[in-house]
């Protein structure tokens, strides 16, 4: 990846993380851990990969995105705000009654293609969008991000079977493999491992990537774009809470909002990271 683009995407990912902290702090609730772990992937998709237009969020030929692990909406909202779908000031009203940005993605929000939150249902909807694109002869791609704890849901594997059966090569599913879910380590709660082998067995083209290395992210999505005849699963190895030192790889930050002191510490860390990238 060209050096300037990579640095720009790193800065964007940092700003997305800042938005996650801003939103969850002001909401006094939410899910920062898994939001922070997908920030780099969202930066790459929304600022380098997807065919979208903030001035025309419903354009028929746009690429679609479904956040199947809908509880990490703070990351999606932050990415959409950075991309210009709405003001970043909206992040401060996250989860407030009557606010634009609710706890899970809602389709009335500019840039959100599907309401999600019930685990397993997002990828099912993404399959339907991809099949509709095939039927209509459209060239758009459908992207979806799932949690590794989420794929313990049986509905995910029904969707996986469906996507392979209908040869949905316009569908790319990213599994955020940060190893932690609300009750602890995925390997101890109800292990979905080996994740790569399972998707391959269901007939998917499987790619692995480092979720915090933009060169590797670019390699993975570039490979995904060449696949024909089958859906693509990208298993991204990530760190829950990435970017905020005291949140990294800590299951306690799955669904806990920072208090004032933690907010200030987290924002100071992220501001320092952004300054380093800008210098």
C-alpha atoms as a PDB file:
ATOM      1  CA  UNK A   1       0.000   0.000   0.000  1.00  0.00           C
ATOM      2  CA  UNK A   2       1.230   3.504  -0.859  1.00  0.00           C
ATOM      3  CA  UNK A   3       2.743   5.156   2.224  1.00  0.00           C
ATOM      4  CA  UNK A   4       0.553   8.280   2.250  1.00  0.00           C
ATOM      5  CA  UNK A   5      -2.669   6.300   1.897  1.00  0.00           C
ATOM      6  CA  UNK A   6      -1.607   3.961   4.679  1.00  0.00           C
ATOM      7  CA  UNK A   7      -0.808   6.856   6.994  1.00  0.00           C
ATOM      8  CA  UNK A   8      -4.130   8.550   6.157  1.00  0.00           C
ATOM      9  CA  UNK A   9      -6.005   5.337   6.962  1.00  0.00           C
ATOM     10  CA  UNK A  10      -4.116   4.962  10.236  1.00  0.00           C
ATOM     11  CA  UNK A  11      -5.168   8.490  11.190  1.00  0.00           C
ATOM     12  CA  UNK A  12      -8.754   7.731  10.242  1.00  0.00           C
ATOM     13  CA  UNK A  13      -8.746   4.539  12.309  1.00  0.00           C
ATOM     14  CA  UNK A  14      -7.418   6.524  15.265  1.00  0.00           C
ATOM     15  CA  UNK A  15     -10.207   9.088  14.874  1.00  0.00           C
ATOM     16  CA  UNK A  16     -12.755   6.246  14.685  1.00  0.00           C
ATOM     17  CA  UNK A  17     -11.405   4.945  17.988  1.00  0.00           C
ATOM     18  CA  UNK A  18     -11.674   8.412  19.510  1.00  0.00           C
ATOM     19  CA  UNK A  19     -15.309   8.491  18.417  1.00  0.00           C
ATOM     20  CA  UNK A  20     -15.916   5.132  20.101  1.00  0.00           C
ATOM     21  CA  UNK A  21     -14.575   6.467  23.396  1.00  0.00           C
ATOM     22  CA  UNK A  22     -16.488   9.739  23.005  1.00  0.00           C
ATOM     23  CA  UNK A  23     -19.746   7.946  22.316  1.00  0.00           C
ATOM     24  CA  UNK A  24     -19.592   5.308  25.037  1.00  0.00           C
ATOM     25  CA  UNK A  25     -18.407   7.822  27.643  1.00  0.00           C
ATOM     26  CA  UNK A  26     -21.304  10.177  26.947  1.00  0.00           C
ATOM     27  CA  UNK A  27     -23.773   7.301  26.790  1.00  0.00           C
ATOM     28  CA  UNK A  28     -22.478   5.832  30.070  1.00  0.00           C
ATOM     29  CA  UNK A  29     -23.002   2.469  28.393  1.00  0.00           C
ATOM     30  CA  UNK A  30     -22.090   0.575  25.252  1.00  0.00           C
ATOM     31  CA  UNK A  31     -19.447  -1.783  23.922  1.00  0.00           C
ATOM     32  CA  UNK A  32     -16.009  -0.212  23.449  1.00  0.00           C
ATOM     33  CA  UNK A  33     -13.849  -3.360  23.356  1.00  0.00           C
ATOM     34  CA  UNK A  34     -15.158  -4.966  20.174  1.00  0.00           C
ATOM     35  CA  UNK A  35     -15.687  -1.550  18.595  1.00  0.00           C
ATOM     36  CA  UNK A  36     -12.020  -0.679  18.947  1.00  0.00           C
ATOM     37  CA  UNK A  37     -10.924  -4.003  17.439  1.00  0.00           C
ATOM     38  CA  UNK A  38     -12.672  -3.333  14.100  1.00  0.00           C
ATOM     39  CA  UNK A  39     -11.625   0.304  13.640  1.00  0.00           C
ATOM     40  CA  UNK A  40      -8.830  -0.408  11.147  1.00  0.00           C
ATOM     41  CA  UNK A  41     -11.066  -2.588   8.987  1.00  0.00           C
ATOM     42  CA  UNK A  42     -13.818   0.032   8.964  1.00  0.00           C
ATOM     43  CA  UNK A  43     -11.314   2.742   8.037  1.00  0.00           C
ATOM     44  CA  UNK A  44     -10.122   0.637   5.106  1.00  0.00           C
ATOM     45  CA  UNK A  45     -13.630  -0.226   3.891  1.00  0.00           C
ATOM     46  CA  UNK A  46     -15.223   3.209   4.214  1.00  0.00           C
ATOM     47  CA  UNK A  47     -12.249   5.278   3.063  1.00  0.00           C
ATOM     48  CA  UNK A  48     -10.600   3.046   0.480  1.00  0.00           C
ATOM     49  CA  UNK A  49     -12.748   0.120  -0.652  1.00  0.00           C
ATOM     50  CA  UNK A  50     -16.487   0.654  -0.721  1.00  0.00           C
ATOM     51  CA  UNK A  51     -18.437   2.452  -3.426  1.00  0.00           C
ATOM     52  CA  UNK A  52     -20.539   4.817  -1.305  1.00  0.00           C
ATOM     53  CA  UNK A  53     -21.592   8.459  -1.390  1.00  0.00           C
ATOM     54  CA  UNK A  54     -22.480  10.344   1.824  1.00  0.00           C
ATOM     55  CA  UNK A  55     -24.423  12.852  -0.300  1.00  0.00           C
ATOM     56  CA  UNK A  56     -26.537  10.012  -1.699  1.00  0.00           C
ATOM     57  CA  UNK A  57     -26.549   7.278   0.953  1.00  0.00           C
ATOM     58  CA  UNK A  58     -29.316   5.273  -0.743  1.00  0.00           C
ATOM     59  CA  UNK A  59     -27.880   5.179  -4.249  1.00  0.00           C
ATOM     60  CA  UNK A  60     -28.989   1.857  -5.779  1.00  0.00           C
ATOM     61  CA  UNK A  61     -25.553   0.687  -6.919  1.00  0.00           C
ATOM     62  CA  UNK A  62     -23.714   1.412  -3.673  1.00  0.00           C
ATOM     63  CA  UNK A  63     -21.804  -1.298  -1.867  1.00  0.00           C
ATOM     64  CA  UNK A  64     -23.655  -2.525   1.212  1.00  0.00           C
ATOM     65  CA  UNK A  65     -22.365  -3.000   4.755  1.00  0.00           C
ATOM     66  CA  UNK A  66     -24.070  -4.927   7.556  1.00  0.00           C
ATOM     67  CA  UNK A  67     -22.663  -4.853  11.085  1.00  0.00           C
ATOM     68  CA  UNK A  68     -23.770  -8.308  12.164  1.00  0.00           C
ATOM     69  CA  UNK A  69     -22.214  -7.820  15.612  1.00  0.00           C
ATOM     70  CA  UNK A  70     -24.477  -4.835  16.064  1.00  0.00           C
ATOM     71  CA  UNK A  71     -23.471  -4.084  19.647  1.00  0.00           C
ATOM     72  CA  UNK A  72     -20.271  -2.538  18.235  1.00  0.00           C
ATOM     73  CA  UNK A  73     -22.340   0.230  16.658  1.00  0.00           C
ATOM     74  CA  UNK A  74     -20.104   2.924  18.237  1.00  0.00           C
ATOM     75  CA  UNK A  75     -17.385   1.988  15.727  1.00  0.00           C
ATOM     76  CA  UNK A  76     -19.750   2.027  12.761  1.00  0.00           C
ATOM     77  CA  UNK A  77     -21.261   5.359  13.804  1.00  0.00           C
ATOM     78  CA  UNK A  78     -17.813   6.851  14.273  1.00  0.00           C
ATOM     79  CA  UNK A  79     -16.739   5.667  10.815  1.00  0.00           C
ATOM     80  CA  UNK A  80     -19.901   7.071   9.246  1.00  0.00           C
ATOM     81  CA  UNK A  81     -19.356  10.397  10.995  1.00  0.00           C
ATOM     82  CA  UNK A  82     -15.762  10.568   9.774  1.00  0.00           C
ATOM     83  CA  UNK A  83     -16.965   9.750   6.245  1.00  0.00           C
ATOM     84  CA  UNK A  84     -19.453  12.619   6.352  1.00  0.00           C
ATOM     85  CA  UNK A  85     -22.823  10.874   6.653  1.00  0.00           C
ATOM     86  CA  UNK A  86     -23.644  13.008   9.700  1.00  0.00           C
ATOM     87  CA  UNK A  87     -21.910  15.305  12.169  1.00  0.00           C
ATOM     88  CA  UNK A  88     -19.430  13.867  14.658  1.00  0.00           C
ATOM     89  CA  UNK A  89     -21.332  15.843  17.305  1.00  0.00           C
ATOM     90  CA  UNK A  90     -24.028  13.167  17.057  1.00  0.00           C
ATOM     91  CA  UNK A  91     -21.639  10.705  18.720  1.00  0.00           C
ATOM     92  CA  UNK A  92     -22.057  12.540  22.014  1.00  0.00           C
ATOM     93  CA  UNK A  93     -25.767  11.650  22.068  1.00  0.00           C
ATOM     94  CA  UNK A  94     -25.211   7.913  21.561  1.00  0.00           C
ATOM     95  CA  UNK A  95     -27.972   5.827  23.170  1.00  0.00           C
ATOM     96  CA  UNK A  96     -29.889   8.879  24.378  1.00  0.00           C
ATOM     97  CA  UNK A  97     -33.667   8.722  24.051  1.00  0.00           C
ATOM     98  CA  UNK A  98     -34.766  10.224  20.744  1.00  0.00           C
ATOM     99  CA  UNK A  99     -31.199  10.564  19.438  1.00  0.00           C
ATOM    100  CA  UNK A 100     -30.174   9.618  15.913  1.00  0.00           C
ATOM    101  CA  UNK A 101     -27.654   7.045  17.132  1.00  0.00           C
ATOM    102  CA  UNK A 102     -29.158   4.245  19.150  1.00  0.00           C
ATOM    103  CA  UNK A 103     -27.433   1.316  20.860  1.00  0.00           C
ATOM    104  CA  UNK A 104     -27.566  -0.873  17.776  1.00  0.00           C
ATOM    105  CA  UNK A 105     -27.543   0.177  14.112  1.00  0.00           C
ATOM    106  CA  UNK A 106     -30.934   1.394  12.892  1.00  0.00           C
ATOM    107  CA  UNK A 107     -31.766   1.632   9.204  1.00  0.00           C
ATOM    108  CA  UNK A 108     -33.114   5.174   9.567  1.00  0.00           C
ATOM    109  CA  UNK A 109     -29.559   6.391  10.278  1.00  0.00           C
ATOM    110  CA  UNK A 110     -27.797   7.778   7.185  1.00  0.00           C
ATOM    111  CA  UNK A 111     -25.295   5.233   5.906  1.00  0.00           C
ATOM    112  CA  UNK A 112     -26.746   2.264   7.804  1.00  0.00           C
ATOM    113  CA  UNK A 113     -27.957  -0.424   5.396  1.00  0.00           C
ATOM    114  CA  UNK A 114     -29.550  -2.762   7.951  1.00  0.00           C
ATOM    115  CA  UNK A 115     -30.792  -2.659  11.527  1.00  0.00           C
ATOM    116  CA  UNK A 116     -28.862  -5.289  13.461  1.00  0.00           C
ATOM    117  CA  UNK A 117     -28.095  -6.505  16.940  1.00  0.00           C
ATOM    118  CA  UNK A 118     -29.655  -9.950  17.311  1.00  0.00           C
ATOM    119  CA  UNK A 119     -26.547 -12.034  16.775  1.00  0.00           C
ATOM    120  CA  UNK A 120     -26.555 -14.183  13.641  1.00  0.00           C
ATOM    121  CA  UNK A 121     -29.207 -12.191  11.829  1.00  0.00           C
ATOM    122  CA  UNK A 122     -26.877  -9.668  10.217  1.00  0.00           C
ATOM    123  CA  UNK A 123     -25.041 -12.173   8.059  1.00  0.00           C
ATOM    124  CA  UNK A 124     -28.388 -13.689   7.065  1.00  0.00           C
ATOM    125  CA  UNK A 125     -29.557 -10.288   5.842  1.00  0.00           C
ATOM    126  CA  UNK A 126     -26.260  -9.764   4.046  1.00  0.00           C
ATOM    127  CA  UNK A 127     -26.861 -13.034   2.205  1.00  0.00           C
ATOM    128  CA  UNK A 128     -30.256 -11.757   1.093  1.00  0.00           C
ATOM    129  CA  UNK A 129     -28.749  -8.495  -0.136  1.00  0.00           C
ATOM    130  CA  UNK A 130     -26.082 -10.391  -2.060  1.00  0.00           C
ATOM    131  CA  UNK A 131     -28.641 -12.735  -3.644  1.00  0.00           C
ATOM    132  CA  UNK A 132     -30.789  -9.731  -4.625  1.00  0.00           C
ATOM    133  CA  UNK A 133     -27.755  -8.219  -6.311  1.00  0.00           C
ATOM    134  CA  UNK A 134     -27.230 -11.413  -8.281  1.00  0.00           C
ATOM    135  CA  UNK A 135     -30.881 -11.597  -9.314  1.00  0.00           C
ATOM    136  CA  UNK A 136     -30.931  -7.930 -10.337  1.00  0.00           C
ATOM    137  CA  UNK A 137     -27.650  -8.184 -12.225  1.00  0.00           C
ATOM    138  CA  UNK A 138     -25.998  -5.547 -10.035  1.00  0.00           C
ATOM    139  CA  UNK A 139     -22.260  -5.238  -9.494  1.00  0.00           C
ATOM    140  CA  UNK A 140     -22.306  -4.073  -5.876  1.00  0.00           C
ATOM    141  CA  UNK A 141     -20.529  -5.937  -3.086  1.00  0.00           C
ATOM    142  CA  UNK A 142     -21.970  -6.769   0.322  1.00  0.00           C
ATOM    143  CA  UNK A 143     -19.667  -6.654   3.343  1.00  0.00           C
ATOM    144  CA  UNK A 144     -20.519  -7.834   6.839  1.00  0.00           C
ATOM    145  CA  UNK A 145     -18.581  -8.069  10.112  1.00  0.00           C
ATOM    146  CA  UNK A 146     -19.335 -10.774  12.661  1.00  0.00           C
ATOM    147  CA  UNK A 147     -17.934 -11.419  16.114  1.00  0.00           C
ATOM    148  CA  UNK A 148     -16.130 -14.654  16.868  1.00  0.00           C
ATOM    149  CA  UNK A 149     -18.497 -15.195  19.795  1.00  0.00           C
ATOM    150  CA  UNK A 150     -21.412 -14.481  17.471  1.00  0.00           C
ATOM    151  CA  UNK A 151     -20.533 -17.411  15.231  1.00  0.00           C
ATOM    152  CA  UNK A 152     -21.552 -19.744  18.056  1.00  0.00           C
ATOM    153  CA  UNK A 153     -25.079 -18.975  16.808  1.00  0.00           C
ATOM    154  CA  UNK A 154     -26.515 -21.727  14.618  1.00  0.00           C
ATOM    155  CA  UNK A 155     -28.121 -19.196  12.292  1.00  0.00           C
ATOM    156  CA  UNK A 156     -24.651 -18.120  11.156  1.00  0.00           C
ATOM    157  CA  UNK A 157     -24.002 -21.580   9.754  1.00  0.00           C
ATOM    158  CA  UNK A 158     -27.375 -21.736   8.019  1.00  0.00           C
ATOM    159  CA  UNK A 159     -26.387 -18.465   6.337  1.00  0.00           C
ATOM    160  CA  UNK A 160     -22.963 -19.896   5.496  1.00  0.00           C
ATOM    161  CA  UNK A 161     -24.606 -22.896   3.835  1.00  0.00           C
ATOM    162  CA  UNK A 162     -27.012 -20.622   1.938  1.00  0.00           C
ATOM    163  CA  UNK A 163     -24.255 -18.313   0.670  1.00  0.00           C
ATOM    164  CA  UNK A 164     -22.163 -21.174  -0.653  1.00  0.00           C
ATOM    165  CA  UNK A 165     -25.154 -22.905  -2.252  1.00  0.00           C
ATOM    166  CA  UNK A 166     -26.091 -19.769  -4.194  1.00  0.00           C
ATOM    167  CA  UNK A 167     -22.451 -18.986  -5.057  1.00  0.00           C
ATOM    168  CA  UNK A 168     -22.611 -15.492  -3.574  1.00  0.00           C
ATOM    169  CA  UNK A 169     -19.208 -14.267  -4.695  1.00  0.00           C
ATOM    170  CA  UNK A 170     -20.408 -10.699  -4.136  1.00  0.00           C
ATOM    171  CA  UNK A 171     -20.445 -11.350  -0.361  1.00  0.00           C
ATOM    172  CA  UNK A 172     -17.466 -10.823   1.962  1.00  0.00           C
ATOM    173  CA  UNK A 173     -17.897 -11.784   5.623  1.00  0.00           C
ATOM    174  CA  UNK A 174     -15.263 -10.630   8.099  1.00  0.00           C
ATOM    175  CA  UNK A 175     -15.015 -12.519  11.396  1.00  0.00           C
ATOM    176  CA  UNK A 176     -13.482 -10.343  14.099  1.00  0.00           C
ATOM    177  CA  UNK A 177     -11.421 -12.951  15.908  1.00  0.00           C
ATOM    178  CA  UNK A 178     -10.375 -11.093  19.057  1.00  0.00           C
ATOM    179  CA  UNK A 179     -10.814 -14.214  21.167  1.00  0.00           C
ATOM    180  CA  UNK A 180     -13.147 -12.692  23.764  1.00  0.00           C
ATOM    181  CA  UNK A 181     -16.908 -12.521  24.230  1.00  0.00           C
ATOM    182  CA  UNK A 182     -19.073 -11.200  27.041  1.00  0.00           C
ATOM    183  CA  UNK A 183     -18.569 -14.275  29.256  1.00  0.00           C
ATOM    184  CA  UNK A 184     -14.834 -14.725  28.676  1.00  0.00           C
ATOM    185  CA  UNK A 185     -12.539 -16.432  26.194  1.00  0.00           C
ATOM    186  CA  UNK A 186     -14.362 -17.969  23.222  1.00  0.00           C
ATOM    187  CA  UNK A 187     -12.288 -21.121  23.658  1.00  0.00           C
ATOM    188  CA  UNK A 188     -13.709 -21.551  27.163  1.00  0.00           C
ATOM    189  CA  UNK A 189     -17.322 -20.443  26.605  1.00  0.00           C
ATOM    190  CA  UNK A 190     -18.245 -22.483  23.504  1.00  0.00           C
ATOM    191  CA  UNK A 191     -15.312 -22.709  21.127  1.00  0.00           C
ATOM    192  CA  UNK A 192     -16.068 -22.099  17.438  1.00  0.00           C
ATOM    193  CA  UNK A 193     -12.517 -23.070  16.506  1.00  0.00           C
ATOM    194  CA  UNK A 194     -11.156 -23.954  14.010  1.00  0.00           C
ATOM    195  CA  UNK A 195     -12.958 -21.042  12.364  1.00  0.00           C
ATOM    196  CA  UNK A 196     -11.064 -21.140   9.062  1.00  0.00           C
ATOM    197  CA  UNK A 197     -11.685 -24.863   8.602  1.00  0.00           C
ATOM    198  CA  UNK A 198     -15.393 -24.494   9.337  1.00  0.00           C
ATOM    199  CA  UNK A 199     -15.976 -21.800   6.709  1.00  0.00           C
ATOM    200  CA  UNK A 200     -13.898 -23.747   4.203  1.00  0.00           C
ATOM    201  CA  UNK A 201     -15.975 -26.854   4.907  1.00  0.00           C
ATOM    202  CA  UNK A 202     -19.121 -24.850   4.171  1.00  0.00           C
ATOM    203  CA  UNK A 203     -17.730 -23.979   0.737  1.00  0.00           C
ATOM    204  CA  UNK A 204     -16.310 -20.508   1.327  1.00  0.00           C
ATOM    205  CA  UNK A 205     -13.019 -19.073   0.106  1.00  0.00           C
ATOM    206  CA  UNK A 206     -11.174 -18.326   3.346  1.00  0.00           C
ATOM    207  CA  UNK A 207      -8.524 -15.638   3.925  1.00  0.00           C
ATOM    208  CA  UNK A 208      -6.771 -14.754   7.171  1.00  0.00           C
ATOM    209  CA  UNK A 209      -5.408 -11.328   8.035  1.00  0.00           C
ATOM    210  CA  UNK A 210      -3.936  -9.181  10.785  1.00  0.00           C
ATOM    211  CA  UNK A 211      -6.715  -6.737  11.672  1.00  0.00           C
ATOM    212  CA  UNK A 212      -4.268  -4.011  12.706  1.00  0.00           C
ATOM    213  CA  UNK A 213      -1.868  -4.117   9.747  1.00  0.00           C
ATOM    214  CA  UNK A 214      -3.191  -2.051   6.850  1.00  0.00           C
ATOM    215  CA  UNK A 215      -0.890  -3.701   4.319  1.00  0.00           C
ATOM    216  CA  UNK A 216      -2.288  -7.071   5.344  1.00  0.00           C
ATOM    217  CA  UNK A 217      -5.850  -5.746   5.288  1.00  0.00           C
ATOM    218  CA  UNK A 218      -5.255  -4.464   1.767  1.00  0.00           C
ATOM    219  CA  UNK A 219      -3.805  -7.821   0.712  1.00  0.00           C
ATOM    220  CA  UNK A 220      -6.809  -9.702   2.103  1.00  0.00           C
ATOM    221  CA  UNK A 221      -9.488  -7.534   0.488  1.00  0.00           C
ATOM    222  CA  UNK A 222      -7.578  -7.437  -2.789  1.00  0.00           C
ATOM    223  CA  UNK A 223      -7.542 -11.234  -2.821  1.00  0.00           C
ATOM    224  CA  UNK A 224     -11.244 -11.281  -1.921  1.00  0.00           C
ATOM    225  CA  UNK A 225     -12.038  -9.149  -4.960  1.00  0.00           C
ATOM    226  CA  UNK A 226     -10.559 -11.797  -7.291  1.00  0.00           C
ATOM    227  CA  UNK A 227     -12.658 -14.714  -6.023  1.00  0.00           C
ATOM    228  CA  UNK A 228     -15.453 -16.032  -8.230  1.00  0.00           C
ATOM    229  CA  UNK A 229     -18.059 -18.702  -7.678  1.00  0.00           C
ATOM    230  CA  UNK A 230     -18.075 -18.699  -3.881  1.00  0.00           C
ATOM    231  CA  UNK A 231     -18.464 -16.300  -0.926  1.00  0.00           C
ATOM    232  CA  UNK A 232     -15.391 -15.033   0.920  1.00  0.00           C
ATOM    233  CA  UNK A 233     -14.718 -15.253   4.655  1.00  0.00           C
ATOM    234  CA  UNK A 234     -11.914 -13.105   6.031  1.00  0.00           C
ATOM    235  CA  UNK A 235     -10.869 -14.223   9.500  1.00  0.00           C
ATOM    236  CA  UNK A 236      -9.144 -11.239  11.055  1.00  0.00           C
ATOM    237  CA  UNK A 237      -6.978 -11.743  14.110  1.00  0.00           C
ATOM    238  CA  UNK A 238      -7.550  -8.697  16.281  1.00  0.00           C
ATOM    239  CA  UNK A 239      -7.070  -7.339  19.785  1.00  0.00           C
ATOM    240  CA  UNK A 240     -10.154  -6.402  21.749  1.00  0.00           C
ATOM    241  CA  UNK A 241      -9.830  -2.812  22.944  1.00  0.00           C
ATOM    242  CA  UNK A 242      -7.057  -2.074  20.435  1.00  0.00           C
ATOM    243  CA  UNK A 243      -5.543   1.386  20.750  1.00  0.00           C
ATOM    244  CA  UNK A 244      -6.329   1.998  24.425  1.00  0.00           C
ATOM    245  CA  UNK A 245      -3.688   0.313  26.569  1.00  0.00           C
ATOM    246  CA  UNK A 246      -5.808  -0.512  29.612  1.00  0.00           C
ATOM    247  CA  UNK A 247      -8.647  -1.899  27.462  1.00  0.00           C
ATOM    248  CA  UNK A 248      -6.561  -4.170  25.263  1.00  0.00           C
ATOM    249  CA  UNK A 249      -7.345  -7.890  25.548  1.00  0.00           C
ATOM    250  CA  UNK A 250      -9.529  -7.307  28.605  1.00  0.00           C
ATOM    251  CA  UNK A 251     -12.922  -9.021  28.570  1.00  0.00           C
ATOM    252  CA  UNK A 252     -14.186  -6.537  31.182  1.00  0.00           C
ATOM    253  CA  UNK A 253     -14.305  -3.885  28.433  1.00  0.00           C
ATOM    254  CA  UNK A 254     -16.715  -5.879  26.279  1.00  0.00           C
ATOM    255  CA  UNK A 255     -19.706  -3.876  27.494  1.00  0.00           C
ATOM    256  CA  UNK A 256     -18.417  -1.302  29.989  1.00  0.00           C
ATOM    257  CA  UNK A 257     -18.291   2.438  29.375  1.00  0.00           C
ATOM    258  CA  UNK A 258     -15.314   4.466  30.596  1.00  0.00           C
ATOM    259  CA  UNK A 259     -15.746   6.814  33.535  1.00  0.00           C
ATOM    260  CA  UNK A 260     -14.388  10.370  33.433  1.00  0.00           C
ATOM    261  CA  UNK A 261     -10.852   9.448  34.463  1.00  0.00           C
ATOM    262  CA  UNK A 262     -10.727   6.489  32.071  1.00  0.00           C
ATOM    263  CA  UNK A 263     -12.182   8.628  29.291  1.00  0.00           C
ATOM    264  CA  UNK A 264      -9.509  11.267  29.752  1.00  0.00           C
ATOM    265  CA  UNK A 265      -6.727   8.669  29.851  1.00  0.00           C
ATOM    266  CA  UNK A 266      -8.012   6.894  26.748  1.00  0.00           C
ATOM    267  CA  UNK A 267      -8.460  10.102  24.785  1.00  0.00           C
ATOM    268  CA  UNK A 268      -4.993  11.300  25.775  1.00  0.00           C
ATOM    269  CA  UNK A 269      -3.485   8.066  24.482  1.00  0.00           C
ATOM    270  CA  UNK A 270      -5.374   8.269  21.192  1.00  0.00           C
ATOM    271  CA  UNK A 271      -4.577  11.959  20.755  1.00  0.00           C
ATOM    272  CA  UNK A 272      -0.894  11.134  21.220  1.00  0.00           C
ATOM    273  CA  UNK A 273      -1.134   8.388  18.603  1.00  0.00           C
ATOM    274  CA  UNK A 274      -2.833  10.764  16.166  1.00  0.00           C
ATOM    275  CA  UNK A 275      -0.251  13.486  16.751  1.00  0.00           C
ATOM    276  CA  UNK A 276       2.541  11.010  16.058  1.00  0.00           C
ATOM    277  CA  UNK A 277       0.898  10.075  12.758  1.00  0.00           C
ATOM    278  CA  UNK A 278       0.439  13.723  11.804  1.00  0.00           C
ATOM    279  CA  UNK A 279       4.027  14.767  12.568  1.00  0.00           C
END
